[in-house]
Amino acid sequence: VVKSEVIGYSWLEPLIRDEHLEDIQCFKANTPIKVTHRDYGLMR
């Protein structure tokens, strides 16, 4: 937790570390983030 806050990406850290993801998309606040998964494609 400390490393994610000091030198990492806070609450986005798990998505940054997920090697299955190819894209992370946040087009607008208060709406679900979308990701592109290597095996399942674009998902909410």
PDB file of all heavy atoms in Angstrom:
ATOM      1  N   VAL A   1       0.832  -1.204   0.000  1.00  0.00           N
ATOM      2  CA  VAL A   1       0.000   0.000   0.000  1.00  0.00           C
ATOM      3  C   VAL A   1       0.870   1.258   0.000  1.00  0.00           C
ATOM      4  O   VAL A   1       0.626   2.205  -0.757  1.00  0.00           O
ATOM      5  CB  VAL A   1      -0.955   0.011   1.209  1.00  0.00           C
ATOM      6  CG1 VAL A   1      -1.721   1.326   1.271  1.00  0.00           C
ATOM      7  CG2 VAL A   1      -1.930  -1.151   1.124  1.00  0.00           C
ATOM      8  N   VAL A   2       1.903   1.268   0.839  1.00  0.00           N
ATOM      9  CA  VAL A   2       2.782   2.439   0.918  1.00  0.00           C
ATOM     10  C   VAL A   2       3.469   2.680  -0.424  1.00  0.00           C
ATOM     11  O   VAL A   2       3.512   3.812  -0.926  1.00  0.00           O
ATOM     12  CB  VAL A   2       3.838   2.262   2.036  1.00  0.00           C
ATOM     13  CG1 VAL A   2       4.869   3.387   1.971  1.00  0.00           C
ATOM     14  CG2 VAL A   2       3.163   2.248   3.406  1.00  0.00           C
ATOM     15  N   LYS A   3       3.997   1.629  -1.031  1.00  0.00           N
ATOM     16  CA  LYS A   3       4.681   1.787  -2.315  1.00  0.00           C
ATOM     17  C   LYS A   3       3.713   2.247  -3.405  1.00  0.00           C
ATOM     18  O   LYS A   3       4.086   3.053  -4.262  1.00  0.00           O
ATOM     19  CB  LYS A   3       5.348   0.470  -2.720  1.00  0.00           C
ATOM     20  CG  LYS A   3       6.566   0.122  -1.864  1.00  0.00           C
ATOM     21  CD  LYS A   3       7.178  -1.206  -2.269  1.00  0.00           C
ATOM     22  CE  LYS A   3       7.822  -1.150  -3.634  1.00  0.00           C
ATOM     23  NZ  LYS A   3       8.476  -2.424  -3.993  1.00  0.00           N
ATOM     24  N   SER A   4       2.479   1.756  -3.371  1.00  0.00           N
ATOM     25  CA  SER A   4       1.514   2.177  -4.383  1.00  0.00           C
ATOM     26  C   SER A   4       1.162   3.651  -4.236  1.00  0.00           C
ATOM     27  O   SER A   4       0.869   4.329  -5.223  1.00  0.00           O
ATOM     28  CB  SER A   4       0.247   1.319  -4.315  1.00  0.00           C
ATOM     29  OG  SER A   4      -0.481   1.586  -3.134  1.00  0.00           O
ATOM     30  N   GLU A   5       1.200   4.160  -3.012  1.00  0.00           N
ATOM     31  CA  GLU A   5       0.879   5.570  -2.789  1.00  0.00           C
ATOM     32  C   GLU A   5       2.081   6.480  -3.041  1.00  0.00           C
ATOM     33  O   GLU A   5       1.928   7.578  -3.574  1.00  0.00           O
ATOM     34  CB  GLU A   5       0.374   5.773  -1.355  1.00  0.00           C
ATOM     35  CG  GLU A   5      -0.963   5.121  -1.058  1.00  0.00           C
ATOM     36  CD  GLU A   5      -2.105   5.727  -1.851  1.00  0.00           C
ATOM     37  OE1 GLU A   5      -2.006   6.894  -2.247  1.00  0.00           O
ATOM     38  OE2 GLU A   5      -3.094   5.006  -2.087  1.00  0.00           O
ATOM     39  N   VAL A   6       3.269   6.019  -2.683  1.00  0.00           N
ATOM     40  CA  VAL A   6       4.460   6.878  -2.769  1.00  0.00           C
ATOM     41  C   VAL A   6       5.065   6.880  -4.178  1.00  0.00           C
ATOM     42  O   VAL A   6       5.412   7.940  -4.711  1.00  0.00           O
ATOM     43  CB  VAL A   6       5.520   6.436  -1.739  1.00  0.00           C
ATOM     44  CG1 VAL A   6       6.804   7.246  -1.910  1.00  0.00           C
ATOM     45  CG2 VAL A   6       4.983   6.608  -0.330  1.00  0.00           C
ATOM     46  N   ILE A   7       5.197   5.707  -4.787  1.00  0.00           N
ATOM     47  CA  ILE A   7       5.836   5.636  -6.109  1.00  0.00           C
ATOM     48  C   ILE A   7       4.976   4.930  -7.148  1.00  0.00           C
ATOM     49  O   ILE A   7       5.391   4.759  -8.287  1.00  0.00           O
ATOM     50  CB  ILE A   7       7.204   4.923  -6.019  1.00  0.00           C
ATOM     51  CG1 ILE A   7       7.039   3.526  -5.402  1.00  0.00           C
ATOM     52  CG2 ILE A   7       8.204   5.750  -5.246  1.00  0.00           C
ATOM     53  CD1 ILE A   7       8.346   2.740  -5.351  1.00  0.00           C
ATOM     54  N   GLY A   8       3.767   4.500  -6.739  1.00  0.00           N
ATOM     55  CA  GLY A   8       2.904   3.767  -7.659  1.00  0.00           C
ATOM     56  C   GLY A   8       1.733   4.587  -8.143  1.00  0.00           C
ATOM     57  O   GLY A   8       1.841   5.798  -8.366  1.00  0.00           O
ATOM     58  N   TYR A   9       0.582   3.930  -8.278  1.00  0.00           N
ATOM     59  CA  TYR A   9      -0.566   4.552  -8.933  1.00  0.00           C
ATOM     60  C   TYR A   9      -1.826   4.479  -8.079  1.00  0.00           C
ATOM     61  O   TYR A   9      -2.931   4.433  -8.613  1.00  0.00           O
ATOM     62  CB  TYR A   9      -0.793   3.880 -10.294  1.00  0.00           C
ATOM     63  CG  TYR A   9       0.417   4.036 -11.196  1.00  0.00           C
ATOM     64  CD1 TYR A   9       1.438   3.089 -11.185  1.00  0.00           C
ATOM     65  CD2 TYR A   9       0.575   5.152 -12.001  1.00  0.00           C
ATOM     66  CE1 TYR A   9       2.568   3.241 -11.979  1.00  0.00           C
ATOM     67  CE2 TYR A   9       1.696   5.315 -12.801  1.00  0.00           C
ATOM     68  CZ  TYR A   9       2.694   4.350 -12.777  1.00  0.00           C
ATOM     69  OH  TYR A   9       3.816   4.518 -13.549  1.00  0.00           O
ATOM     70  N   SER A  10      -1.650   4.445  -6.768  1.00  0.00           N
ATOM     71  CA  SER A  10      -2.767   4.499  -5.826  1.00  0.00           C
ATOM     72  C   SER A  10      -3.792   3.413  -6.143  1.00  0.00           C
ATOM     73  O   SER A  10      -3.437   2.253  -6.303  1.00  0.00           O
ATOM     74  CB  SER A  10      -3.388   5.900  -5.863  1.00  0.00           C
ATOM     75  OG  SER A  10      -4.324   6.081  -4.830  1.00  0.00           O
ATOM     76  N   TRP A  11      -5.073   3.769  -6.258  1.00  0.00           N
ATOM     77  CA  TRP A  11      -6.116   2.752  -6.474  1.00  0.00           C
ATOM     78  C   TRP A  11      -6.061   2.120  -7.865  1.00  0.00           C
ATOM     79  O   TRP A  11      -6.691   1.096  -8.115  1.00  0.00           O
ATOM     80  CB  TRP A  11      -7.500   3.353  -6.226  1.00  0.00           C
ATOM     81  CG  TRP A  11      -7.794   4.621  -6.997  1.00  0.00           C
ATOM     82  CD1 TRP A  11      -7.611   5.899  -6.564  1.00  0.00           C
ATOM     83  CD2 TRP A  11      -8.326   4.723  -8.320  1.00  0.00           C
ATOM     84  NE1 TRP A  11      -7.989   6.807  -7.537  1.00  0.00           N
ATOM     85  CE2 TRP A  11      -8.443   6.101  -8.629  1.00  0.00           C
ATOM     86  CE3 TRP A  11      -8.732   3.800  -9.287  1.00  0.00           C
ATOM     87  CZ2 TRP A  11      -8.932   6.578  -9.844  1.00  0.00           C
ATOM     88  CZ3 TRP A  11      -9.217   4.263 -10.499  1.00  0.00           C
ATOM     89  CH2 TRP A  11      -9.321   5.627 -10.776  1.00  0.00           C
ATOM     90  N   LEU A  12      -5.277   2.709  -8.767  1.00  0.00           N
ATOM     91  CA  LEU A  12      -5.151   2.137 -10.115  1.00  0.00           C
ATOM     92  C   LEU A  12      -4.035   1.092 -10.192  1.00  0.00           C
ATOM     93  O   LEU A  12      -3.857   0.447 -11.230  1.00  0.00           O
ATOM     94  CB  LEU A  12      -4.876   3.265 -11.113  1.00  0.00           C
ATOM     95  CG  LEU A  12      -5.221   3.021 -12.589  1.00  0.00           C
ATOM     96  CD1 LEU A  12      -6.702   2.784 -12.752  1.00  0.00           C
ATOM     97  CD2 LEU A  12      -4.763   4.185 -13.449  1.00  0.00           C
ATOM     98  N   GLU A  13      -3.301   0.907  -9.104  1.00  0.00           N
ATOM     99  CA  GLU A  13      -2.145   0.008  -9.084  1.00  0.00           C
ATOM    100  C   GLU A  13      -2.466  -1.417  -9.570  1.00  0.00           C
ATOM    101  O   GLU A  13      -1.716  -1.965 -10.387  1.00  0.00           O
ATOM    102  CB  GLU A  13      -1.552  -0.043  -7.675  1.00  0.00           C
ATOM    103  CG  GLU A  13      -0.269  -0.847  -7.547  1.00  0.00           C
ATOM    104  CD  GLU A  13       0.955  -0.136  -8.089  1.00  0.00           C
ATOM    105  OE1 GLU A  13       0.867   1.078  -8.335  1.00  0.00           O
ATOM    106  OE2 GLU A  13       1.993  -0.792  -8.271  1.00  0.00           O
ATOM    107  N   PRO A  14      -3.556  -2.057  -9.110  1.00  0.00           N
ATOM    108  CA  PRO A  14      -3.823  -3.421  -9.588  1.00  0.00           C
ATOM    109  C   PRO A  14      -4.000  -3.516 -11.098  1.00  0.00           C
ATOM    110  O   PRO A  14      -3.571  -4.479 -11.731  1.00  0.00           O
ATOM    111  CB  PRO A  14      -5.119  -3.805  -8.850  1.00  0.00           C
ATOM    112  CG  PRO A  14      -5.147  -2.930  -7.651  1.00  0.00           C
ATOM    113  CD  PRO A  14      -4.529  -1.645  -8.085  1.00  0.00           C
ATOM    114  N   LEU A  15      -4.623  -2.503 -11.705  1.00  0.00           N
ATOM    115  CA  LEU A  15      -4.831  -2.518 -13.150  1.00  0.00           C
ATOM    116  C   LEU A  15      -3.518  -2.295 -13.895  1.00  0.00           C
ATOM    117  O   LEU A  15      -3.287  -2.894 -14.952  1.00  0.00           O
ATOM    118  CB  LEU A  15      -5.857  -1.458 -13.555  1.00  0.00           C
ATOM    119  CG  LEU A  15      -7.333  -1.873 -13.470  1.00  0.00           C
ATOM    120  CD1 LEU A  15      -7.738  -2.141 -12.029  1.00  0.00           C
ATOM    121  CD2 LEU A  15      -8.240  -0.811 -14.078  1.00  0.00           C
ATOM    122  N   ILE A  16      -2.654  -1.446 -13.353  1.00  0.00           N
ATOM    123  CA  ILE A  16      -1.351  -1.230 -13.967  1.00  0.00           C
ATOM    124  C   ILE A  16      -0.524  -2.512 -13.907  1.00  0.00           C
ATOM    125  O   ILE A  16       0.197  -2.850 -14.856  1.00  0.00           O
ATOM    126  CB  ILE A  16      -0.593  -0.087 -13.262  1.00  0.00           C
ATOM    127  CG1 ILE A  16      -1.316   1.254 -13.459  1.00  0.00           C
ATOM    128  CG2 ILE A  16       0.848   0.004 -13.770  1.00  0.00           C
ATOM    129  CD1 ILE A  16      -1.282   1.788 -14.872  1.00  0.00           C
ATOM    130  N   ARG A  17      -0.666  -3.257 -12.827  1.00  0.00           N
ATOM    131  CA  ARG A  17       0.106  -4.499 -12.660  1.00  0.00           C
ATOM    132  C   ARG A  17      -0.483  -5.690 -13.415  1.00  0.00           C
ATOM    133  O   ARG A  17       0.199  -6.698 -13.582  1.00  0.00           O
ATOM    134  CB  ARG A  17       0.207  -4.862 -11.172  1.00  0.00           C
ATOM    135  CG  ARG A  17       1.042  -3.890 -10.364  1.00  0.00           C
ATOM    136  CD  ARG A  17       1.453  -4.551  -9.073  1.00  0.00           C
ATOM    137  NE  ARG A  17       2.212  -3.668  -8.199  1.00  0.00           N
ATOM    138  CZ  ARG A  17       3.021  -4.075  -7.242  1.00  0.00           C
ATOM    139  NH1 ARG A  17       3.190  -5.381  -7.039  1.00  0.00           N
ATOM    140  NH2 ARG A  17       3.670  -3.223  -6.486  1.00  0.00           N
ATOM    141  N   ASP A  18      -1.722  -5.587 -13.836  1.00  0.00           N
ATOM    142  CA  ASP A  18      -2.387  -6.715 -14.500  1.00  0.00           C
ATOM    143  C   ASP A  18      -1.835  -6.874 -15.917  1.00  0.00           C
ATOM    144  O   ASP A  18      -2.139  -6.081 -16.809  1.00  0.00           O
ATOM    145  CB  ASP A  18      -3.897  -6.485 -14.542  1.00  0.00           C
ATOM    146  CG  ASP A  18      -4.654  -7.726 -15.000  1.00  0.00           C
ATOM    147  OD1 ASP A  18      -4.018  -8.647 -15.555  1.00  0.00           O
ATOM    148  OD2 ASP A  18      -5.876  -7.778 -14.806  1.00  0.00           O
ATOM    149  N   GLU A  19      -1.039  -7.913 -16.128  1.00  0.00           N
ATOM    150  CA  GLU A  19      -0.409  -8.139 -17.424  1.00  0.00           C
ATOM    151  C   GLU A  19      -1.395  -8.611 -18.486  1.00  0.00           C
ATOM    152  O   GLU A  19      -1.040  -8.701 -19.661  1.00  0.00           O
ATOM    153  CB  GLU A  19       0.733  -9.145 -17.276  1.00  0.00           C
ATOM    154  CG  GLU A  19       1.862  -8.641 -16.396  1.00  0.00           C
ATOM    155  CD  GLU A  19       3.066  -9.567 -16.388  1.00  0.00           C
ATOM    156  OE1 GLU A  19       3.035 -10.592 -17.098  1.00  0.00           O
ATOM    157  OE2 GLU A  19       4.035  -9.272 -15.661  1.00  0.00           O
ATOM    158  N   HIS A  20      -2.628  -8.902 -18.088  1.00  0.00           N
ATOM    159  CA  HIS A  20      -3.650  -9.307 -19.053  1.00  0.00           C
ATOM    160  C   HIS A  20      -4.292  -8.109 -19.747  1.00  0.00           C
ATOM    161  O   HIS A  20      -4.993  -8.279 -20.740  1.00  0.00           O
ATOM    162  CB  HIS A  20      -4.754 -10.120 -18.368  1.00  0.00           C
ATOM    163  CG  HIS A  20      -4.286 -11.425 -17.817  1.00  0.00           C
ATOM    164  ND1 HIS A  20      -3.710 -11.538 -16.564  1.00  0.00           N
ATOM    165  CD2 HIS A  20      -4.305 -12.676 -18.325  1.00  0.00           C
ATOM    166  CE1 HIS A  20      -3.409 -12.801 -16.337  1.00  0.00           C
ATOM    167  NE2 HIS A  20      -3.747 -13.514 -17.385  1.00  0.00           N
ATOM    168  N   LEU A  21      -4.088  -6.906 -19.221  1.00  0.00           N
ATOM    169  CA  LEU A  21      -4.750  -5.726 -19.761  1.00  0.00           C
ATOM    170  C   LEU A  21      -3.888  -5.039 -20.810  1.00  0.00           C
ATOM    171  O   LEU A  21      -2.669  -4.931 -20.665  1.00  0.00           O
ATOM    172  CB  LEU A  21      -5.079  -4.737 -18.639  1.00  0.00           C
ATOM    173  CG  LEU A  21      -6.040  -5.233 -17.556  1.00  0.00           C
ATOM    174  CD1 LEU A  21      -6.363  -4.108 -16.591  1.00  0.00           C
ATOM    175  CD2 LEU A  21      -7.301  -5.805 -18.167  1.00  0.00           C
ATOM    176  N   GLU A  22      -4.553  -4.543 -21.855  1.00  0.00           N
ATOM    177  CA  GLU A  22      -3.870  -3.812 -22.923  1.00  0.00           C
ATOM    178  C   GLU A  22      -4.224  -2.328 -22.911  1.00  0.00           C
ATOM    179  O   GLU A  22      -3.432  -1.505 -23.369  1.00  0.00           O
ATOM    180  CB  GLU A  22      -4.233  -4.430 -24.283  1.00  0.00           C
ATOM    181  CG  GLU A  22      -3.770  -5.886 -24.420  1.00  0.00           C
ATOM    182  CD  GLU A  22      -4.192  -6.499 -25.740  1.00  0.00           C
ATOM    183  OE1 GLU A  22      -5.032  -5.894 -26.447  1.00  0.00           O
ATOM    184  OE2 GLU A  22      -3.678  -7.580 -26.071  1.00  0.00           O
ATOM    185  N   ASP A  23      -5.406  -1.985 -22.426  1.00  0.00           N
ATOM    186  CA  ASP A  23      -5.833  -0.584 -22.337  1.00  0.00           C
ATOM    187  C   ASP A  23      -6.649  -0.378 -21.070  1.00  0.00           C
ATOM    188  O   ASP A  23      -7.388  -1.284 -20.643  1.00  0.00           O
ATOM    189  CB  ASP A  23      -6.700  -0.187 -23.538  1.00  0.00           C
ATOM    190  CG  ASP A  23      -5.891   0.049 -24.798  1.00  0.00           C
ATOM    191  OD1 ASP A  23      -5.237   1.095 -24.890  1.00  0.00           O
ATOM    192  OD2 ASP A  23      -5.911  -0.825 -25.673  1.00  0.00           O
ATOM    193  N   ILE A  24      -6.529   0.831 -20.502  1.00  0.00           N
ATOM    194  CA  ILE A  24      -7.359   1.257 -19.378  1.00  0.00           C
ATOM    195  C   ILE A  24      -7.969   2.592 -19.785  1.00  0.00           C
ATOM    196  O   ILE A  24      -7.252   3.521 -20.154  1.00  0.00           O
ATOM    197  CB  ILE A  24      -6.529   1.425 -18.091  1.00  0.00           C
ATOM    198  CG1 ILE A  24      -5.794   0.130 -17.746  1.00  0.00           C
ATOM    199  CG2 ILE A  24      -7.419   1.861 -16.931  1.00  0.00           C
ATOM    200  CD1 ILE A  24      -4.751   0.294 -16.650  1.00  0.00           C
ATOM    201  N   GLN A  25      -9.301   2.696 -19.731  1.00  0.00           N
ATOM    202  CA  GLN A  25      -9.979   3.874 -20.260  1.00  0.00           C
ATOM    203  C   GLN A  25     -10.941   4.452 -19.230  1.00  0.00           C
ATOM    204  O   GLN A  25     -11.813   3.757 -18.726  1.00  0.00           O
ATOM    205  CB  GLN A  25     -10.754   3.514 -21.528  1.00  0.00           C
ATOM    206  CG  GLN A  25      -9.912   2.868 -22.618  1.00  0.00           C
ATOM    207  CD  GLN A  25     -10.751   2.262 -23.718  1.00  0.00           C
ATOM    208  OE1 GLN A  25     -11.982   2.238 -23.637  1.00  0.00           O
ATOM    209  NE2 GLN A  25     -10.104   1.765 -24.751  1.00  0.00           N
ATOM    210  N   CYS A  26     -10.750   5.725 -18.944  1.00  0.00           N
ATOM    211  CA  CYS A  26     -11.679   6.458 -18.079  1.00  0.00           C
ATOM    212  C   CYS A  26     -12.047   7.738 -18.830  1.00  0.00           C
ATOM    213  O   CYS A  26     -11.310   8.713 -18.802  1.00  0.00           O
ATOM    214  CB  CYS A  26     -11.034   6.785 -16.738  1.00  0.00           C
ATOM    215  SG  CYS A  26     -12.094   7.765 -15.652  1.00  0.00           S
ATOM    216  N   PHE A  27     -13.185   7.706 -19.524  1.00  0.00           N
ATOM    217  CA  PHE A  27     -13.572   8.828 -20.366  1.00  0.00           C
ATOM    218  C   PHE A  27     -14.349   9.897 -19.617  1.00  0.00           C
ATOM    219  O   PHE A  27     -14.460  11.022 -20.077  1.00  0.00           O
ATOM    220  CB  PHE A  27     -14.404   8.337 -21.556  1.00  0.00           C
ATOM    221  CG  PHE A  27     -13.637   7.456 -22.504  1.00  0.00           C
ATOM    222  CD1 PHE A  27     -14.063   6.180 -22.784  1.00  0.00           C
ATOM    223  CD2 PHE A  27     -12.466   7.912 -23.108  1.00  0.00           C
ATOM    224  CE1 PHE A  27     -13.355   5.363 -23.656  1.00  0.00           C
ATOM    225  CE2 PHE A  27     -11.749   7.108 -23.976  1.00  0.00           C
ATOM    226  CZ  PHE A  27     -12.188   5.832 -24.251  1.00  0.00           C
ATOM    227  N   LYS A  28     -14.889   9.524 -18.444  1.00  0.00           N
ATOM    228  CA  LYS A  28     -15.707  10.473 -17.693  1.00  0.00           C
ATOM    229  C   LYS A  28     -15.838   9.995 -16.260  1.00  0.00           C
ATOM    230  O   LYS A  28     -15.952   8.798 -16.004  1.00  0.00           O
ATOM    231  CB  LYS A  28     -17.091  10.595 -18.344  1.00  0.00           C
ATOM    232  CG  LYS A  28     -17.969  11.680 -17.768  1.00  0.00           C
ATOM    233  CD  LYS A  28     -19.294  11.723 -18.497  1.00  0.00           C
ATOM    234  CE  LYS A  28     -20.214  12.790 -17.910  1.00  0.00           C
ATOM    235  NZ  LYS A  28     -21.530  12.820 -18.600  1.00  0.00           N
ATOM    236  N   ALA A  29     -15.815  10.924 -15.330  1.00  0.00           N
ATOM    237  CA  ALA A  29     -15.986  10.566 -13.916  1.00  0.00           C
ATOM    238  C   ALA A  29     -17.402  10.061 -13.662  1.00  0.00           C
ATOM    239  O   ALA A  29     -18.331  10.329 -14.429  1.00  0.00           O
ATOM    240  CB  ALA A  29     -15.697  11.782 -13.047  1.00  0.00           C
ATOM    241  N   ASN A  30     -17.547   9.292 -12.580  1.00  0.00           N
ATOM    242  CA  ASN A  30     -18.841   8.750 -12.151  1.00  0.00           C
ATOM    243  C   ASN A  30     -19.441   7.757 -13.146  1.00  0.00           C
ATOM    244  O   ASN A  30     -20.652   7.516 -13.147  1.00  0.00           O
ATOM    245  CB  ASN A  30     -19.849   9.879 -11.870  1.00  0.00           C
ATOM    246  CG  ASN A  30     -19.385  10.798 -10.763  1.00  0.00           C
ATOM    247  OD1 ASN A  30     -18.973  10.344  -9.699  1.00  0.00           O
ATOM    248  ND2 ASN A  30     -19.428  12.105 -11.010  1.00  0.00           N
ATOM    249  N   THR A  31     -18.605   7.198 -14.003  1.00  0.00           N
ATOM    250  CA  THR A  31     -19.006   6.124 -14.903  1.00  0.00           C
ATOM    251  C   THR A  31     -17.963   5.015 -14.801  1.00  0.00           C
ATOM    252  O   THR A  31     -16.800   5.281 -14.471  1.00  0.00           O
ATOM    253  CB  THR A  31     -19.105   6.607 -16.363  1.00  0.00           C
ATOM    254  OG1 THR A  31     -17.843   7.141 -16.774  1.00  0.00           O
ATOM    255  CG2 THR A  31     -20.176   7.662 -16.521  1.00  0.00           C
ATOM    256  N   PRO A  32     -18.337   3.758 -15.091  1.00  0.00           N
ATOM    257  CA  PRO A  32     -17.377   2.658 -14.937  1.00  0.00           C
ATOM    258  C   PRO A  32     -16.176   2.791 -15.869  1.00  0.00           C
ATOM    259  O   PRO A  32     -16.318   3.135 -17.051  1.00  0.00           O
ATOM    260  CB  PRO A  32     -18.202   1.417 -15.298  1.00  0.00           C
ATOM    261  CG  PRO A  32     -19.616   1.805 -15.068  1.00  0.00           C
ATOM    262  CD  PRO A  32     -19.688   3.254 -15.423  1.00  0.00           C
ATOM    263  N   ILE A  33     -14.998   2.550 -15.320  1.00  0.00           N
ATOM    264  CA  ILE A  33     -13.791   2.461 -16.140  1.00  0.00           C
ATOM    265  C   ILE A  33     -13.915   1.264 -17.069  1.00  0.00           C
ATOM    266  O   ILE A  33     -14.529   0.248 -16.715  1.00  0.00           O
ATOM    267  CB  ILE A  33     -12.552   2.330 -15.233  1.00  0.00           C
ATOM    268  CG1 ILE A  33     -12.271   3.660 -14.518  1.00  0.00           C
ATOM    269  CG2 ILE A  33     -11.318   1.884 -16.002  1.00  0.00           C
ATOM    270  CD1 ILE A  33     -11.119   3.592 -13.550  1.00  0.00           C
ATOM    271  N   LYS A  34     -13.335   1.380 -18.267  1.00  0.00           N
ATOM    272  CA  LYS A  34     -13.320   0.256 -19.206  1.00  0.00           C
ATOM    273  C   LYS A  34     -11.888  -0.221 -19.411  1.00  0.00           C
ATOM    274  O   LYS A  34     -10.943   0.561 -19.297  1.00  0.00           O
ATOM    275  CB  LYS A  34     -13.932   0.661 -20.544  1.00  0.00           C
ATOM    276  CG  LYS A  34     -15.435   0.925 -20.477  1.00  0.00           C
ATOM    277  CD  LYS A  34     -16.034   1.148 -21.853  1.00  0.00           C
ATOM    278  CE  LYS A  34     -17.541   1.304 -21.773  1.00  0.00           C
ATOM    279  NZ  LYS A  34     -18.144   1.487 -23.122  1.00  0.00           N
ATOM    280  N   VAL A  35     -11.749  -1.505 -19.697  1.00  0.00           N
ATOM    281  CA  VAL A  35     -10.427  -2.079 -19.952  1.00  0.00           C
ATOM    282  C   VAL A  35     -10.506  -2.971 -21.187  1.00  0.00           C
ATOM    283  O   VAL A  35     -11.570  -3.508 -21.518  1.00  0.00           O
ATOM    284  CB  VAL A  35      -9.907  -2.906 -18.751  1.00  0.00           C
ATOM    285  CG1 VAL A  35      -9.702  -2.027 -17.529  1.00  0.00           C
ATOM    286  CG2 VAL A  35     -10.847  -4.066 -18.430  1.00  0.00           C
ATOM    287  N   THR A  36      -9.377  -3.119 -21.854  1.00  0.00           N
ATOM    288  CA  THR A  36      -9.266  -4.090 -22.928  1.00  0.00           C
ATOM    289  C   THR A  36      -8.417  -5.237 -22.424  1.00  0.00           C
ATOM    290  O   THR A  36      -7.250  -5.052 -22.093  1.00  0.00           O
ATOM    291  CB  THR A  36      -8.623  -3.477 -24.188  1.00  0.00           C
ATOM    292  OG1 THR A  36      -9.415  -2.361 -24.620  1.00  0.00           O
ATOM    293  CG2 THR A  36      -8.555  -4.505 -25.310  1.00  0.00           C
ATOM    294  N   HIS A  37      -9.044  -6.408 -22.322  1.00  0.00           N
ATOM    295  CA  HIS A  37      -8.391  -7.600 -21.787  1.00  0.00           C
ATOM    296  C   HIS A  37      -7.837  -8.431 -22.932  1.00  0.00           C
ATOM    297  O   HIS A  37      -8.466  -8.553 -23.988  1.00  0.00           O
ATOM    298  CB  HIS A  37      -9.404  -8.413 -20.976  1.00  0.00           C
ATOM    299  CG  HIS A  37      -8.807  -9.438 -20.079  1.00  0.00           C
ATOM    300  ND1 HIS A  37      -8.356 -10.667 -20.532  1.00  0.00           N
ATOM    301  CD2 HIS A  37      -8.587  -9.438 -18.727  1.00  0.00           C
ATOM    302  CE1 HIS A  37      -7.903 -11.362 -19.510  1.00  0.00           C
ATOM    303  NE2 HIS A  37      -8.020 -10.647 -18.406  1.00  0.00           N
ATOM    304  N   ARG A  38      -6.657  -8.991 -22.740  1.00  0.00           N
ATOM    305  CA  ARG A  38      -5.995  -9.766 -23.776  1.00  0.00           C
ATOM    306  C   ARG A  38      -6.836 -10.953 -24.242  1.00  0.00           C
ATOM    307  O   ARG A  38      -6.828 -11.308 -25.421  1.00  0.00           O
ATOM    308  CB  ARG A  38      -4.651 -10.270 -23.244  1.00  0.00           C
ATOM    309  CG  ARG A  38      -3.778 -10.977 -24.263  1.00  0.00           C
ATOM    310  CD  ARG A  38      -2.478 -11.385 -23.621  1.00  0.00           C
ATOM    311  NE  ARG A  38      -2.712 -12.326 -22.519  1.00  0.00           N
ATOM    312  CZ  ARG A  38      -1.829 -12.581 -21.551  1.00  0.00           C
ATOM    313  NH1 ARG A  38      -0.677 -11.946 -21.524  1.00  0.00           N
ATOM    314  NH2 ARG A  38      -2.110 -13.460 -20.604  1.00  0.00           N
ATOM    315  N   ASP A  39      -7.600 -11.550 -23.327  1.00  0.00           N
ATOM    316  CA  ASP A  39      -8.373 -12.753 -23.655  1.00  0.00           C
ATOM    317  C   ASP A  39      -9.853 -12.487 -23.901  1.00  0.00           C
ATOM    318  O   ASP A  39     -10.513 -13.276 -24.581  1.00  0.00           O
ATOM    319  CB  ASP A  39      -8.233 -13.790 -22.533  1.00  0.00           C
ATOM    320  CG  ASP A  39      -6.790 -14.212 -22.311  1.00  0.00           C
ATOM    321  OD1 ASP A  39      -6.063 -14.359 -23.315  1.00  0.00           O
ATOM    322  OD2 ASP A  39      -6.385 -14.388 -21.143  1.00  0.00           O
ATOM    323  N   TYR A  40     -10.394 -11.391 -23.346  1.00  0.00           N
ATOM    324  CA  TYR A  40     -11.840 -11.165 -23.404  1.00  0.00           C
ATOM    325  C   TYR A  40     -12.235  -9.877 -24.110  1.00  0.00           C
ATOM    326  O   TYR A  40     -13.431  -9.595 -24.244  1.00  0.00           O
ATOM    327  CB  TYR A  40     -12.426 -11.170 -21.983  1.00  0.00           C
ATOM    328  CG  TYR A  40     -12.163 -12.455 -21.242  1.00  0.00           C
ATOM    329  CD1 TYR A  40     -11.118 -12.549 -20.318  1.00  0.00           C
ATOM    330  CD2 TYR A  40     -12.930 -13.591 -21.471  1.00  0.00           C
ATOM    331  CE1 TYR A  40     -10.865 -13.731 -19.638  1.00  0.00           C
ATOM    332  CE2 TYR A  40     -12.688 -14.786 -20.793  1.00  0.00           C
ATOM    333  CZ  TYR A  40     -11.645 -14.846 -19.887  1.00  0.00           C
ATOM    334  OH  TYR A  40     -11.392 -16.026 -19.215  1.00  0.00           O
ATOM    335  N   GLY A  41     -11.263  -9.099 -24.561  1.00  0.00           N
ATOM    336  CA  GLY A  41     -11.582  -7.883 -25.304  1.00  0.00           C
ATOM    337  C   GLY A  41     -12.010  -6.732 -24.410  1.00  0.00           C
ATOM    338  O   GLY A  41     -11.702  -6.682 -23.221  1.00  0.00           O
ATOM    339  N   LEU A  42     -12.754  -5.791 -25.003  1.00  0.00           N
ATOM    340  CA  LEU A  42     -13.188  -4.595 -24.292  1.00  0.00           C
ATOM    341  C   LEU A  42     -14.287  -4.937 -23.300  1.00  0.00           C
ATOM    342  O   LEU A  42     -15.285  -5.560 -23.654  1.00  0.00           O
ATOM    343  CB  LEU A  42     -13.688  -3.546 -25.293  1.00  0.00           C
ATOM    344  CG  LEU A  42     -14.154  -2.211 -24.714  1.00  0.00           C
ATOM    345  CD1 LEU A  42     -12.996  -1.478 -24.038  1.00  0.00           C
ATOM    346  CD2 LEU A  42     -14.774  -1.346 -25.799  1.00  0.00           C
ATOM    347  N   MET A  43     -14.097  -4.526 -22.048  1.00  0.00           N
ATOM    348  CA  MET A  43     -15.066  -4.823 -20.994  1.00  0.00           C
ATOM    349  C   MET A  43     -15.238  -3.625 -20.078  1.00  0.00           C
ATOM    350  O   MET A  43     -14.309  -2.839 -19.881  1.00  0.00           O
ATOM    351  CB  MET A  43     -14.594  -6.009 -20.134  1.00  0.00           C
ATOM    352  CG  MET A  43     -14.455  -7.321 -20.861  1.00  0.00           C
ATOM    353  SD  MET A  43     -14.088  -8.671 -19.688  1.00  0.00           S
ATOM    354  CE  MET A  43     -12.460  -8.176 -19.114  1.00  0.00           C
ATOM    355  N   ARG A  44     -16.422  -3.509 -19.506  1.00  0.00           N
ATOM    356  CA  ARG A  44     -16.634  -2.544 -18.431  1.00  0.00           C
ATOM    357  C   ARG A  44     -16.085  -3.139 -17.151  1.00  0.00           C
ATOM    358  O   ARG A  44     -15.949  -4.364 -17.014  1.00  0.00           O
ATOM    359  CB  ARG A  44     -18.109  -2.213 -18.265  1.00  0.00           C
ATOM    360  CG  ARG A  44     -18.963  -3.408 -17.872  1.00  0.00           C
ATOM    361  CD  ARG A  44     -20.288  -2.990 -17.264  1.00  0.00           C
ATOM    362  NE  ARG A  44     -20.068  -2.335 -15.976  1.00  0.00           N
ATOM    363  CZ  ARG A  44     -21.056  -1.918 -15.190  1.00  0.00           C
ATOM    364  NH1 ARG A  44     -22.309  -2.062 -15.562  1.00  0.00           N
ATOM    365  NH2 ARG A  44     -20.808  -1.359 -14.030  1.00  0.00           N
TER     366      ARG A  44
END
